Amino acid sequence: MKHTKSILGALAVGLTLLASPAWAADVPVNVPDTAKAVQAGDLIARAKRALADKLGAGVANVWIFPTNDANTVFVQYSIATTSAVSTIALPAEHLAVVVMNGDRIEKLRELVHTDTITALRVRN
């Protein structure tokens, strides 16, 4: 019975995420397969919609991770950028803490400085 509830919860999270119009067809959003993610399904869906509105196109490899806070998620994503030293589009990796207030982002704090990543890639 517990396994059935977990599967139904995961399915509900997946269906909620697919219902979001902005990223539904373009960018898959990954969510860890954990009980915590199932419990935070509504928060994850709200964060996904708000991030789609805020970040727009060019976003890839999106992961949303629940936290122990009822309104906070970690979000990992990439945005393709072209550096000054190369015409090749490099993915700029992002890791952010997102605090939600209802359906809107109350606070978004980037934890990775993208210039550091670009500098490391240029050196290697």
PDB file of N, CA and C in Angstrom:
ATOM      1  N   MET A   1       0.824  -1.198   0.000  1.00  0.00           N
ATOM      2  CA  MET A   1       0.000   0.000   0.000  1.00  0.00           C
ATOM      3  C   MET A   1       0.864   1.257   0.000  1.00  0.00           C
ATOM      4  N   LYS A   2       1.943   1.227   0.798  1.00  0.00           N
ATOM      5  CA  LYS A   2       2.827   2.386   0.876  1.00  0.00           C
ATOM      6  C   LYS A   2       3.463   2.662  -0.487  1.00  0.00           C
ATOM      7  N   HIS A   3       3.846   1.590  -1.195  1.00  0.00           N
ATOM      8  CA  HIS A   3       4.453   1.723  -2.522  1.00  0.00           C
ATOM      9  C   HIS A   3       3.459   2.342  -3.509  1.00  0.00           C
ATOM     10  N   THR A   4       2.195   1.966  -3.434  1.00  0.00           N
ATOM     11  CA  THR A   4       1.157   2.502  -4.312  1.00  0.00           C
ATOM     12  C   THR A   4       0.971   3.993  -4.070  1.00  0.00           C
ATOM     13  N   LYS A   5       0.973   4.416  -2.800  1.00  0.00           N
ATOM     14  CA  LYS A   5       0.836   5.842  -2.482  1.00  0.00           C
ATOM     15  C   LYS A   5       2.018   6.627  -3.034  1.00  0.00           C
ATOM     16  N   SER A   6       3.205   6.054  -2.924  1.00  0.00           N
ATOM     17  CA  SER A   6       4.401   6.722  -3.435  1.00  0.00           C
ATOM     18  C   SER A   6       4.325   6.883  -4.943  1.00  0.00           C
ATOM     19  N   ILE A   7       3.889   5.847  -5.644  1.00  0.00           N
ATOM     20  CA  ILE A   7       3.767   5.912  -7.098  1.00  0.00           C
ATOM     21  C   ILE A   7       2.709   6.936  -7.494  1.00  0.00           C
ATOM     22  N   LEU A   8       1.575   6.923  -6.811  1.00  0.00           N
ATOM     23  CA  LEU A   8       0.517   7.889  -7.123  1.00  0.00           C
ATOM     24  C   LEU A   8       0.972   9.314  -6.840  1.00  0.00           C
ATOM     25  N   GLY A   9       1.713   9.508  -5.753  1.00  0.00           N
ATOM     26  CA  GLY A   9       2.233  10.842  -5.423  1.00  0.00           C
ATOM     27  C   GLY A   9       3.213  11.320  -6.474  1.00  0.00           C
ATOM     28  N   ALA A  10       4.117  10.447  -6.903  1.00  0.00           N
ATOM     29  CA  ALA A  10       5.091  10.805  -7.937  1.00  0.00           C
ATOM     30  C   ALA A  10       4.381  11.129  -9.245  1.00  0.00           C
ATOM     31  N   LEU A  11       3.352  10.358  -9.573  1.00  0.00           N
ATOM     32  CA  LEU A  11       2.573  10.612 -10.776  1.00  0.00           C
ATOM     33  C   LEU A  11       1.886  11.968 -10.692  1.00  0.00           C
ATOM     34  N   ALA A  12       1.355  12.303  -9.526  1.00  0.00           N
ATOM     35  CA  ALA A  12       0.692  13.595  -9.343  1.00  0.00           C
ATOM     36  C   ALA A  12       1.678  14.743  -9.540  1.00  0.00           C
ATOM     37  N   VAL A  13       2.892  14.605  -8.998  1.00  0.00           N
ATOM     38  CA  VAL A  13       3.916  15.637  -9.184  1.00  0.00           C
ATOM     39  C   VAL A  13       4.231  15.776 -10.664  1.00  0.00           C
ATOM     40  N   GLY A  14       4.438  14.667 -11.347  1.00  0.00           N
ATOM     41  CA  GLY A  14       4.763  14.705 -12.774  1.00  0.00           C
ATOM     42  C   GLY A  14       3.672  15.349 -13.598  1.00  0.00           C
ATOM     43  N   LEU A  15       2.418  15.004 -13.323  1.00  0.00           N
ATOM     44  CA  LEU A  15       1.310  15.586 -14.070  1.00  0.00           C
ATOM     45  C   LEU A  15       1.170  17.072 -13.791  1.00  0.00           C
ATOM     46  N   THR A  16       1.402  17.481 -12.551  1.00  0.00           N
ATOM     47  CA  THR A  16       1.349  18.899 -12.208  1.00  0.00           C
ATOM     48  C   THR A  16       2.413  19.659 -12.973  1.00  0.00           C
ATOM     49  N   LEU A  17       3.629  19.123 -13.052  1.00  0.00           N
ATOM     50  CA  LEU A  17       4.708  19.798 -13.760  1.00  0.00           C
ATOM     51  C   LEU A  17       4.430  19.865 -15.260  1.00  0.00           C
ATOM     52  N   LEU A  18       3.825  18.837 -15.818  1.00  0.00           N
ATOM     53  CA  LEU A  18       3.521  18.841 -17.243  1.00  0.00           C
ATOM     54  C   LEU A  18       2.424  19.832 -17.592  1.00  0.00           C
ATOM     55  N   ALA A  19       1.594  20.187 -16.622  1.00  0.00           N
ATOM     56  CA  ALA A  19       0.495  21.108 -16.879  1.00  0.00           C
ATOM     57  C   ALA A  19       0.975  22.545 -17.044  1.00  0.00           C
ATOM     58  N   SER A  20       2.186  22.847 -16.651  1.00  0.00           N
ATOM     59  CA  SER A  20       2.706  24.203 -16.775  1.00  0.00           C
ATOM     60  C   SER A  20       3.015  24.515 -18.226  1.00  0.00           C
ATOM     61  N   PRO A  21       2.438  25.587 -18.795  1.00  0.00           N
ATOM     62  CA  PRO A  21       2.588  25.840 -20.219  1.00  0.00           C
ATOM     63  C   PRO A  21       3.964  26.337 -20.652  1.00  0.00           C
ATOM     64  N   ALA A  22       4.673  27.115 -19.848  1.00  0.00           N
ATOM     65  CA  ALA A  22       5.892  27.782 -20.296  1.00  0.00           C
ATOM     66  C   ALA A  22       7.017  26.820 -20.635  1.00  0.00           C
ATOM     67  N   TRP A  23       7.262  25.836 -19.806  1.00  0.00           N
ATOM     68  CA  TRP A  23       8.360  24.908 -20.049  1.00  0.00           C
ATOM     69  C   TRP A  23       7.878  23.521 -20.420  1.00  0.00           C
ATOM     70  N   ALA A  24       6.583  23.295 -20.445  1.00  0.00           N
ATOM     71  CA  ALA A  24       6.054  21.940 -20.599  1.00  0.00           C
ATOM     72  C   ALA A  24       6.588  21.235 -21.836  1.00  0.00           C
ATOM     73  N   ALA A  25       6.594  21.903 -22.966  1.00  0.00           N
ATOM     74  CA  ALA A  25       7.034  21.248 -24.200  1.00  0.00           C
ATOM     75  C   ALA A  25       8.523  21.426 -24.449  1.00  0.00           C
ATOM     76  N   ASP A  26       9.091  22.518 -23.972  1.00  0.00           N
ATOM     77  CA  ASP A  26      10.468  22.864 -24.311  1.00  0.00           C
ATOM     78  C   ASP A  26      11.518  22.259 -23.398  1.00  0.00           C
ATOM     79  N   VAL A  27      11.356  22.432 -22.113  1.00  0.00           N
ATOM     80  CA  VAL A  27      12.396  22.041 -21.167  1.00  0.00           C
ATOM     81  C   VAL A  27      11.832  21.082 -20.129  1.00  0.00           C
ATOM     82  N   PRO A  28      12.365  19.867 -20.084  1.00  0.00           N
ATOM     83  CA  PRO A  28      11.920  18.962 -19.020  1.00  0.00           C
ATOM     84  C   PRO A  28      12.478  19.429 -17.674  1.00  0.00           C
ATOM     85  N   VAL A  29      11.671  19.339 -16.678  1.00  0.00           N
ATOM     86  CA  VAL A  29      12.101  19.683 -15.325  1.00  0.00           C
ATOM     87  C   VAL A  29      12.272  18.391 -14.560  1.00  0.00           C
ATOM     88  N   ASN A  30      13.450  18.218 -14.009  1.00  0.00           N
ATOM     89  CA  ASN A  30      13.763  17.013 -13.253  1.00  0.00           C
ATOM     90  C   ASN A  30      13.513  17.253 -11.774  1.00  0.00           C
ATOM     91  N   VAL A  31      12.973  16.249 -11.134  1.00  0.00           N
ATOM     92  CA  VAL A  31      12.701  16.279  -9.700  1.00  0.00           C
ATOM     93  C   VAL A  31      13.225  14.965  -9.129  1.00  0.00           C
ATOM     94  N   PRO A  32      13.914  15.010  -8.000  1.00  0.00           N
ATOM     95  CA  PRO A  32      14.416  13.753  -7.440  1.00  0.00           C
ATOM     96  C   PRO A  32      13.269  12.808  -7.094  1.00  0.00           C
ATOM     97  N   ASP A  33      13.532  11.530  -7.195  1.00  0.00           N
ATOM     98  CA  ASP A  33      12.534  10.513  -6.895  1.00  0.00           C
ATOM     99  C   ASP A  33      12.605  10.163  -5.413  1.00  0.00           C
ATOM    100  N   THR A  34      12.091  11.094  -4.600  1.00  0.00           N
ATOM    101  CA  THR A  34      12.128  10.914  -3.149  1.00  0.00           C
ATOM    102  C   THR A  34      10.747  11.198  -2.556  1.00  0.00           C
ATOM    103  N   ALA A  35      10.547  10.715  -1.354  1.00  0.00           N
ATOM    104  CA  ALA A  35       9.292  10.984  -0.647  1.00  0.00           C
ATOM    105  C   ALA A  35       9.141  12.478  -0.390  1.00  0.00           C
ATOM    106  N   LYS A  36      10.251  13.154  -0.102  1.00  0.00           N
ATOM    107  CA  LYS A  36      10.225  14.604   0.152  1.00  0.00           C
ATOM    108  C   LYS A  36       9.725  15.362  -1.074  1.00  0.00           C
ATOM    109  N   ALA A  37      10.165  14.948  -2.263  1.00  0.00           N
ATOM    110  CA  ALA A  37       9.723  15.596  -3.494  1.00  0.00           C
ATOM    111  C   ALA A  37       8.232  15.373  -3.726  1.00  0.00           C
ATOM    112  N   VAL A  38       7.749  14.201  -3.379  1.00  0.00           N
ATOM    113  CA  VAL A  38       6.319  13.923  -3.503  1.00  0.00           C
ATOM    114  C   VAL A  38       5.538  14.821  -2.562  1.00  0.00           C
ATOM    115  N   GLN A  39       6.007  14.946  -1.324  1.00  0.00           N
ATOM    116  CA  GLN A  39       5.336  15.797  -0.340  1.00  0.00           C
ATOM    117  C   GLN A  39       5.331  17.263  -0.768  1.00  0.00           C
ATOM    118  N   ALA A  40       6.390  17.696  -1.446  1.00  0.00           N
ATOM    119  CA  ALA A  40       6.534  19.095  -1.853  1.00  0.00           C
ATOM    120  C   ALA A  40       6.061  19.325  -3.288  1.00  0.00           C
ATOM    121  N   GLY A  41       5.239  18.438  -3.807  1.00  0.00           N
ATOM    122  CA  GLY A  41       4.789  18.524  -5.195  1.00  0.00           C
ATOM    123  C   GLY A  41       4.166  19.849  -5.568  1.00  0.00           C
ATOM    124  N   ASP A  42       3.320  20.397  -4.706  1.00  0.00           N
ATOM    125  CA  ASP A  42       2.676  21.685  -4.987  1.00  0.00           C
ATOM    126  C   ASP A  42       3.712  22.803  -5.028  1.00  0.00           C
ATOM    127  N   LEU A  43       4.620  22.830  -4.068  1.00  0.00           N
ATOM    128  CA  LEU A  43       5.683  23.842  -4.030  1.00  0.00           C
ATOM    129  C   LEU A  43       6.558  23.741  -5.277  1.00  0.00           C
ATOM    130  N   ILE A  44       6.937  22.539  -5.663  1.00  0.00           N
ATOM    131  CA  ILE A  44       7.778  22.337  -6.840  1.00  0.00           C
ATOM    132  C   ILE A  44       7.064  22.827  -8.100  1.00  0.00           C
ATOM    133  N   ALA A  45       5.786  22.530  -8.222  1.00  0.00           N
ATOM    134  CA  ALA A  45       5.015  22.984  -9.390  1.00  0.00           C
ATOM    135  C   ALA A  45       4.924  24.506  -9.424  1.00  0.00           C
ATOM    136  N   ARG A  46       4.696  25.139  -8.273  1.00  0.00           N
ATOM    137  CA  ARG A  46       4.633  26.608  -8.225  1.00  0.00           C
ATOM    138  C   ARG A  46       5.983  27.232  -8.571  1.00  0.00           C
ATOM    139  N   ALA A  47       7.048  26.633  -8.061  1.00  0.00           N
ATOM    140  CA  ALA A  47       8.396  27.137  -8.364  1.00  0.00           C
ATOM    141  C   ALA A  47       8.694  26.995  -9.854  1.00  0.00           C
ATOM    142  N   LYS A  48       8.297  25.890 -10.436  1.00  0.00           N
ATOM    143  CA  LYS A  48       8.529  25.663 -11.865  1.00  0.00           C
ATOM    144  C   LYS A  48       7.844  26.732 -12.705  1.00  0.00           C
ATOM    145  N   ARG A  49       6.585  27.012 -12.409  1.00  0.00           N
ATOM    146  CA  ARG A  49       5.842  28.031 -13.168  1.00  0.00           C
ATOM    147  C   ARG A  49       6.476  29.408 -12.995  1.00  0.00           C
ATOM    148  N   ALA A  50       6.824  29.758 -11.762  1.00  0.00           N
ATOM    149  CA  ALA A  50       7.414  31.073 -11.502  1.00  0.00           C
ATOM    150  C   ALA A  50       8.778  31.221 -12.167  1.00  0.00           C
ATOM    151  N   LEU A  51       9.579  30.170 -12.139  1.00  0.00           N
ATOM    152  CA  LEU A  51      10.893  30.215 -12.783  1.00  0.00           C
ATOM    153  C   LEU A  51      10.761  30.309 -14.298  1.00  0.00           C
ATOM    154  N   ALA A  52       9.784  29.635 -14.875  1.00  0.00           N
ATOM    155  CA  ALA A  52       9.565  29.710 -16.320  1.00  0.00           C
ATOM    156  C   ALA A  52       9.258  31.147 -16.725  1.00  0.00           C
ATOM    157  N   ASP A  53       8.456  31.835 -15.928  1.00  0.00           N
ATOM    158  CA  ASP A  53       8.123  33.235 -16.216  1.00  0.00           C
ATOM    159  C   ASP A  53       9.345  34.137 -16.051  1.00  0.00           C
ATOM    160  N   LYS A  54      10.161  33.860 -15.047  1.00  0.00           N
ATOM    161  CA  LYS A  54      11.311  34.716 -14.740  1.00  0.00           C
ATOM    162  C   LYS A  54      12.493  34.472 -15.674  1.00  0.00           C
ATOM    163  N   LEU A  55      12.791  33.223 -15.992  1.00  0.00           N
ATOM    164  CA  LEU A  55      13.995  32.893 -16.746  1.00  0.00           C
ATOM    165  C   LEU A  55      13.782  32.846 -18.252  1.00  0.00           C
ATOM    166  N   GLY A  56      12.596  32.484 -18.694  1.00  0.00           N
ATOM    167  CA  GLY A  56      12.308  32.469 -20.117  1.00  0.00           C
ATOM    168  C   GLY A  56      13.046  31.402 -20.901  1.00  0.00           C
ATOM    169  N   ALA A  57      13.386  31.720 -22.165  1.00  0.00           N
ATOM    170  CA  ALA A  57      13.988  30.751 -23.088  1.00  0.00           C
ATOM    171  C   ALA A  57      15.474  30.551 -22.801  1.00  0.00           C
ATOM    172  N   GLY A  58      16.008  29.491 -23.377  1.00  0.00           N
ATOM    173  CA  GLY A  58      17.431  29.210 -23.259  1.00  0.00           C
ATOM    174  C   GLY A  58      17.807  28.411 -22.029  1.00  0.00           C
ATOM    175  N   VAL A  59      16.832  28.025 -21.244  1.00  0.00           N
ATOM    176  CA  VAL A  59      17.085  27.282 -20.019  1.00  0.00           C
ATOM    177  C   VAL A  59      17.076  25.784 -20.328  1.00  0.00           C
ATOM    178  N   ALA A  60      18.019  25.062 -19.719  1.00  0.00           N
ATOM    179  CA  ALA A  60      18.100  23.615 -19.935  1.00  0.00           C
ATOM    180  C   ALA A  60      18.535  22.932 -18.648  1.00  0.00           C
ATOM    181  N   ASN A  61      18.400  21.633 -18.627  1.00  0.00           N
ATOM    182  CA  ASN A  61      18.865  20.801 -17.515  1.00  0.00           C
ATOM    183  C   ASN A  61      18.380  21.333 -16.160  1.00  0.00           C
ATOM    184  N   VAL A  62      17.089  21.518 -16.046  1.00  0.00           N
ATOM    185  CA  VAL A  62      16.495  22.078 -14.831  1.00  0.00           C
ATOM    186  C   VAL A  62      16.224  20.970 -13.816  1.00  0.00           C
ATOM    187  N   TRP A  63      16.719  21.178 -12.611  1.00  0.00           N
ATOM    188  CA  TRP A  63      16.430  20.297 -11.481  1.00  0.00           C
ATOM    189  C   TRP A  63      15.867  21.151 -10.355  1.00  0.00           C
ATOM    190  N   ILE A  64      14.780  20.697  -9.741  1.00  0.00           N
ATOM    191  CA  ILE A  64      14.205  21.379  -8.580  1.00  0.00           C
ATOM    192  C   ILE A  64      14.228  20.404  -7.419  1.00  0.00           C
ATOM    193  N   PHE A  65      14.872  20.837  -6.327  1.00  0.00           N
ATOM    194  CA  PHE A  65      15.041  20.004  -5.136  1.00  0.00           C
ATOM    195  C   PHE A  65      14.297  20.631  -3.958  1.00  0.00           C
ATOM    196  N   PRO A  66      13.446  19.860  -3.289  1.00  0.00           N
ATOM    197  CA  PRO A  66      12.770  20.391  -2.104  1.00  0.00           C
ATOM    198  C   PRO A  66      13.752  20.518  -0.940  1.00  0.00           C
ATOM    199  N   THR A  67      13.413  21.367   0.009  1.00  0.00           N
ATOM    200  CA  THR A  67      14.192  21.516   1.235  1.00  0.00           C
ATOM    201  C   THR A  67      13.271  21.223   2.413  1.00  0.00           C
ATOM    202  N   ASN A  68      13.783  21.393   3.610  1.00  0.00           N
ATOM    203  CA  ASN A  68      12.936  21.204   4.795  1.00  0.00           C
ATOM    204  C   ASN A  68      12.025  22.390   5.065  1.00  0.00           C
ATOM    205  N   ASP A  69      12.243  23.496   4.354  1.00  0.00           N
ATOM    206  CA  ASP A  69      11.381  24.663   4.500  1.00  0.00           C
ATOM    207  C   ASP A  69      10.192  24.533   3.548  1.00  0.00           C
ATOM    208  N   ALA A  70       9.006  24.817   4.026  1.00  0.00           N
ATOM    209  CA  ALA A  70       7.785  24.629   3.245  1.00  0.00           C
ATOM    210  C   ALA A  70       7.672  25.548   2.038  1.00  0.00           C
ATOM    211  N   ASN A  71       8.486  26.610   1.969  1.00  0.00           N
ATOM    212  CA  ASN A  71       8.406  27.568   0.868  1.00  0.00           C
ATOM    213  C   ASN A  71       9.695  27.704   0.074  1.00  0.00           C
ATOM    214  N   THR A  72      10.673  26.820   0.301  1.00  0.00           N
ATOM    215  CA  THR A  72      11.992  26.978  -0.301  1.00  0.00           C
ATOM    216  C   THR A  72      12.423  25.734  -1.076  1.00  0.00           C
ATOM    217  N   VAL A  73      13.001  25.976  -2.259  1.00  0.00           N
ATOM    218  CA  VAL A  73      13.576  24.903  -3.068  1.00  0.00           C
ATOM    219  C   VAL A  73      14.962  25.323  -3.532  1.00  0.00           C
ATOM    220  N   PHE A  74      15.791  24.331  -3.857  1.00  0.00           N
ATOM    221  CA  PHE A  74      17.042  24.569  -4.570  1.00  0.00           C
ATOM    222  C   PHE A  74      16.739  24.323  -6.039  1.00  0.00           C
ATOM    223  N   VAL A  75      17.283  25.147  -6.915  1.00  0.00           N
ATOM    224  CA  VAL A  75      17.087  24.971  -8.348  1.00  0.00           C
ATOM    225  C   VAL A  75      18.453  24.975  -9.022  1.00  0.00           C
ATOM    226  N   GLN A  76      18.701  23.957  -9.830  1.00  0.00           N
ATOM    227  CA  GLN A  76      19.923  23.864 -10.627  1.00  0.00           C
ATOM    228  C   GLN A  76      19.488  23.924 -12.088  1.00  0.00           C
ATOM    229  N   TYR A  77      20.153  24.776 -12.880  1.00  0.00           N
ATOM    230  CA  TYR A  77      19.797  24.888 -14.284  1.00  0.00           C
ATOM    231  C   TYR A  77      20.967  25.448 -15.080  1.00  0.00           C
ATOM    232  N   SER A  78      20.868  25.352 -16.401  1.00  0.00           N
ATOM    233  CA  SER A  78      21.880  25.881 -17.306  1.00  0.00           C
ATOM    234  C   SER A  78      21.221  26.867 -18.257  1.00  0.00           C
ATOM    235  N   ILE A  79      21.977  27.894 -18.629  1.00  0.00           N
ATOM    236  CA  ILE A  79      21.547  28.824 -19.666  1.00  0.00           C
ATOM    237  C   ILE A  79      22.708  28.942 -20.643  1.00  0.00           C
ATOM    238  N   ALA A  80      22.448  28.736 -21.934  1.00  0.00           N
ATOM    239  CA  ALA A  80      23.502  28.815 -22.939  1.00  0.00           C
ATOM    240  C   ALA A  80      23.912  30.273 -23.140  1.00  0.00           C
ATOM    241  N   THR A  81      25.216  30.537 -23.049  1.00  0.00           N
ATOM    242  CA  THR A  81      25.753  31.880 -23.254  1.00  0.00           C
ATOM    243  C   THR A  81      26.968  31.794 -24.162  1.00  0.00           C
ATOM    244  N   THR A  82      27.281  32.880 -24.806  1.00  0.00           N
ATOM    245  CA  THR A  82      28.477  32.956 -25.640  1.00  0.00           C
ATOM    246  C   THR A  82      29.486  33.831 -24.915  1.00  0.00           C
ATOM    247  N   SER A  83      30.677  33.306 -24.698  1.00  0.00           N
ATOM    248  CA  SER A  83      31.694  34.063 -23.969  1.00  0.00           C
ATOM    249  C   SER A  83      32.416  35.015 -24.915  1.00  0.00           C
ATOM    250  N   ALA A  84      33.145  35.971 -24.349  1.00  0.00           N
ATOM    251  CA  ALA A  84      33.896  36.942 -25.134  1.00  0.00           C
ATOM    252  C   ALA A  84      35.078  36.300 -25.851  1.00  0.00           C
ATOM    253  N   VAL A  85      35.561  35.156 -25.350  1.00  0.00           N
ATOM    254  CA  VAL A  85      36.734  34.511 -25.949  1.00  0.00           C
ATOM    255  C   VAL A  85      36.371  33.388 -26.908  1.00  0.00           C
ATOM    256  N   SER A  86      35.087  33.122 -27.071  1.00  0.00           N
ATOM    257  CA  SER A  86      34.679  32.020 -27.935  1.00  0.00           C
ATOM    258  C   SER A  86      33.317  32.314 -28.534  1.00  0.00           C
ATOM    259  N   THR A  87      33.104  31.864 -29.751  1.00  0.00           N
ATOM    260  CA  THR A  87      31.783  32.008 -30.366  1.00  0.00           C
ATOM    261  C   THR A  87      30.911  30.796 -30.091  1.00  0.00           C
ATOM    262  N   ILE A  88      31.456  29.839 -29.369  1.00  0.00           N
ATOM    263  CA  ILE A  88      30.710  28.632 -29.023  1.00  0.00           C
ATOM    264  C   ILE A  88      29.853  28.930 -27.798  1.00  0.00           C
ATOM    265  N   ALA A  89      28.586  28.570 -27.863  1.00  0.00           N
ATOM    266  CA  ALA A  89      27.687  28.780 -26.734  1.00  0.00           C
ATOM    267  C   ALA A  89      28.024  27.784 -25.626  1.00  0.00           C
ATOM    268  N   LEU A  90      28.381  28.296 -24.476  1.00  0.00           N
ATOM    269  CA  LEU A  90      28.697  27.457 -23.318  1.00  0.00           C
ATOM    270  C   LEU A  90      27.550  27.529 -22.324  1.00  0.00           C
ATOM    271  N   PRO A  91      27.205  26.412 -21.716  1.00  0.00           N
ATOM    272  CA  PRO A  91      26.147  26.485 -20.709  1.00  0.00           C
ATOM    273  C   PRO A  91      26.676  27.149 -19.442  1.00  0.00           C
ATOM    274  N   ALA A  92      25.987  28.161 -18.990  1.00  0.00           N
ATOM    275  CA  ALA A  92      26.318  28.789 -17.720  1.00  0.00           C
ATOM    276  C   ALA A  92      25.522  28.048 -16.653  1.00  0.00           C
ATOM    277  N   GLU A  93      26.223  27.418 -15.750  1.00  0.00           N
ATOM    278  CA  GLU A  93      25.567  26.617 -14.711  1.00  0.00           C
ATOM    279  C   GLU A  93      25.099  27.531 -13.586  1.00  0.00           C
ATOM    280  N   HIS A  94      23.915  27.254 -13.095  1.00  0.00           N
ATOM    281  CA  HIS A  94      23.344  28.048 -12.014  1.00  0.00           C
ATOM    282  C   HIS A  94      22.854  27.120 -10.909  1.00  0.00           C
ATOM    283  N   LEU A  95      23.009  27.574  -9.701  1.00  0.00           N
ATOM    284  CA  LEU A  95      22.428  26.922  -8.531  1.00  0.00           C
ATOM    285  C   LEU A  95      21.841  28.045  -7.702  1.00  0.00           C
ATOM    286  N   ALA A  96      20.573  27.932  -7.387  1.00  0.00           N
ATOM    287  CA  ALA A  96      19.899  29.021  -6.682  1.00  0.00           C
ATOM    288  C   ALA A  96      19.003  28.477  -5.580  1.00  0.00           C
ATOM    289  N   VAL A  97      18.828  29.297  -4.571  1.00  0.00           N
ATOM    290  CA  VAL A  97      17.821  29.053  -3.545  1.00  0.00           C
ATOM    291  C   VAL A  97      16.632  29.930  -3.914  1.00  0.00           C
ATOM    292  N   VAL A  98      15.470  29.323  -4.013  1.00  0.00           N
ATOM    293  CA  VAL A  98      14.265  30.053  -4.380  1.00  0.00           C
ATOM    294  C   VAL A  98      13.262  29.960  -3.236  1.00  0.00           C
ATOM    295  N   VAL A  99      12.851  31.115  -2.741  1.00  0.00           N
ATOM    296  CA  VAL A  99      11.833  31.185  -1.698  1.00  0.00           C
ATOM    297  C   VAL A  99      10.549  31.655  -2.358  1.00  0.00           C
ATOM    298  N   MET A 100       9.511  30.873  -2.215  1.00  0.00           N
ATOM    299  CA  MET A 100       8.228  31.179  -2.836  1.00  0.00           C
ATOM    300  C   MET A 100       7.284  31.836  -1.832  1.00  0.00           C
ATOM    301  N   ASN A 101       6.441  32.716  -2.345  1.00  0.00           N
ATOM    302  CA  ASN A 101       5.349  33.307  -1.578  1.00  0.00           C
ATOM    303  C   ASN A 101       4.111  33.117  -2.438  1.00  0.00           C
ATOM    304  N   GLY A 102       3.385  32.057  -2.180  1.00  0.00           N
ATOM    305  CA  GLY A 102       2.260  31.701  -3.044  1.00  0.00           C
ATOM    306  C   GLY A 102       2.784  31.255  -4.395  1.00  0.00           C
ATOM    307  N   ASP A 103       2.309  31.920  -5.465  1.00  0.00           N
ATOM    308  CA  ASP A 103       2.732  31.571  -6.824  1.00  0.00           C
ATOM    309  C   ASP A 103       3.865  32.441  -7.349  1.00  0.00           C
ATOM    310  N   ARG A 104       4.401  33.315  -6.509  1.00  0.00           N
ATOM    311  CA  ARG A 104       5.476  34.190  -6.989  1.00  0.00           C
ATOM    312  C   ARG A 104       6.767  33.946  -6.219  1.00  0.00           C
ATOM    313  N   ILE A 105       7.868  34.304  -6.860  1.00  0.00           N
ATOM    314  CA  ILE A 105       9.168  34.175  -6.220  1.00  0.00           C
ATOM    315  C   ILE A 105       9.367  35.371  -5.295  1.00  0.00           C
ATOM    316  N   GLU A 106       9.541  35.089  -4.025  1.00  0.00           N
ATOM    317  CA  GLU A 106       9.807  36.142  -3.051  1.00  0.00           C
ATOM    318  C   GLU A 106      11.283  36.496  -3.039  1.00  0.00           C
ATOM    319  N   LYS A 107      12.125  35.460  -3.185  1.00  0.00           N
ATOM    320  CA  LYS A 107      13.567  35.674  -3.144  1.00  0.00           C
ATOM    321  C   LYS A 107      14.246  34.607  -3.992  1.00  0.00           C
ATOM    322  N   LEU A 108      15.192  35.035  -4.825  1.00  0.00           N
ATOM    323  CA  LEU A 108      15.992  34.112  -5.610  1.00  0.00           C
ATOM    324  C   LEU A 108      17.443  34.493  -5.386  1.00  0.00           C
ATOM    325  N   ARG A 109      18.185  33.586  -4.796  1.00  0.00           N
ATOM    326  CA  ARG A 109      19.588  33.870  -4.502  1.00  0.00           C
ATOM    327  C   ARG A 109      20.470  32.882  -5.247  1.00  0.00           C
ATOM    328  N   GLU A 110      21.251  33.409  -6.175  1.00  0.00           N
ATOM    329  CA  GLU A 110      22.205  32.592  -6.917  1.00  0.00           C
ATOM    330  C   GLU A 110      23.348  32.206  -5.988  1.00  0.00           C
ATOM    331  N   LEU A 111      23.717  30.933  -6.014  1.00  0.00           N
ATOM    332  CA  LEU A 111      24.800  30.450  -5.160  1.00  0.00           C
ATOM    333  C   LEU A 111      26.097  30.248  -5.919  1.00  0.00           C
ATOM    334  N   VAL A 112      26.031  30.245  -7.249  1.00  0.00           N
ATOM    335  CA  VAL A 112      27.221  30.043  -8.069  1.00  0.00           C
ATOM    336  C   VAL A 112      27.412  31.289  -8.923  1.00  0.00           C
ATOM    337  N   HIS A 113      28.594  31.851  -8.890  1.00  0.00           N
ATOM    338  CA  HIS A 113      28.898  33.020  -9.698  1.00  0.00           C
ATOM    339  C   HIS A 113      29.313  32.539 -11.085  1.00  0.00           C
ATOM    340  N   THR A 114      28.570  32.886 -12.115  1.00  0.00           N
ATOM    341  CA  THR A 114      28.804  32.342 -13.457  1.00  0.00           C
ATOM    342  C   THR A 114      30.138  32.776 -14.052  1.00  0.00           C
ATOM    343  N   ASP A 115      30.673  33.945 -13.670  1.00  0.00           N
ATOM    344  CA  ASP A 115      31.978  34.367 -14.186  1.00  0.00           C
ATOM    345  C   ASP A 115      33.071  33.396 -13.751  1.00  0.00           C
ATOM    346  N   THR A 116      32.937  32.846 -12.564  1.00  0.00           N
ATOM    347  CA  THR A 116      33.908  31.873 -12.071  1.00  0.00           C
ATOM    348  C   THR A 116      33.891  30.622 -12.933  1.00  0.00           C
ATOM    349  N   ILE A 117      32.721  30.149 -13.279  1.00  0.00           N
ATOM    350  CA  ILE A 117      32.602  28.957 -14.115  1.00  0.00           C
ATOM    351  C   ILE A 117      33.186  29.218 -15.492  1.00  0.00           C
ATOM    352  N   THR A 118      32.856  30.368 -16.090  1.00  0.00           N
ATOM    353  CA  THR A 118      33.390  30.705 -17.402  1.00  0.00           C
ATOM    354  C   THR A 118      34.909  30.775 -17.354  1.00  0.00           C
ATOM    355  N   ALA A 119      35.467  31.393 -16.318  1.00  0.00           N
ATOM    356  CA  ALA A 119      36.923  31.506 -16.189  1.00  0.00           C
ATOM    357  C   ALA A 119      37.557  30.127 -16.060  1.00  0.00           C
ATOM    358  N   LEU A 120      36.944  29.251 -15.328  1.00  0.00           N
ATOM    359  CA  LEU A 120      37.486  27.901 -15.182  1.00  0.00           C
ATOM    360  C   LEU A 120      37.457  27.155 -16.512  1.00  0.00           C
ATOM    361  N   ARG A 121      36.415  27.310 -17.290  1.00  0.00           N
ATOM    362  CA  ARG A 121      36.312  26.629 -18.577  1.00  0.00           C
ATOM    363  C   ARG A 121      37.332  27.181 -19.560  1.00  0.00           C
ATOM    364  N   VAL A 122      37.557  28.492 -19.538  1.00  0.00           N
ATOM    365  CA  VAL A 122      38.504  29.096 -20.459  1.00  0.00           C
ATOM    366  C   VAL A 122      39.914  28.605 -20.157  1.00  0.00           C
ATOM    367  N   ARG A 123      40.255  28.461 -18.879  1.00  0.00           N
ATOM    368  CA  ARG A 123      41.592  28.003 -18.488  1.00  0.00           C
ATOM    369  C   ARG A 123      41.816  26.556 -18.853  1.00  0.00           C
ATOM    370  N   ASN A 124      40.815  25.722 -18.826  1.00  0.00           N
ATOM    371  CA  ASN A 124      40.995  24.279 -19.071  1.00  0.00           C
ATOM    372  C   ASN A 124      41.062  23.936 -20.500  1.00  0.00           C
TER     373      ASN A 124
END
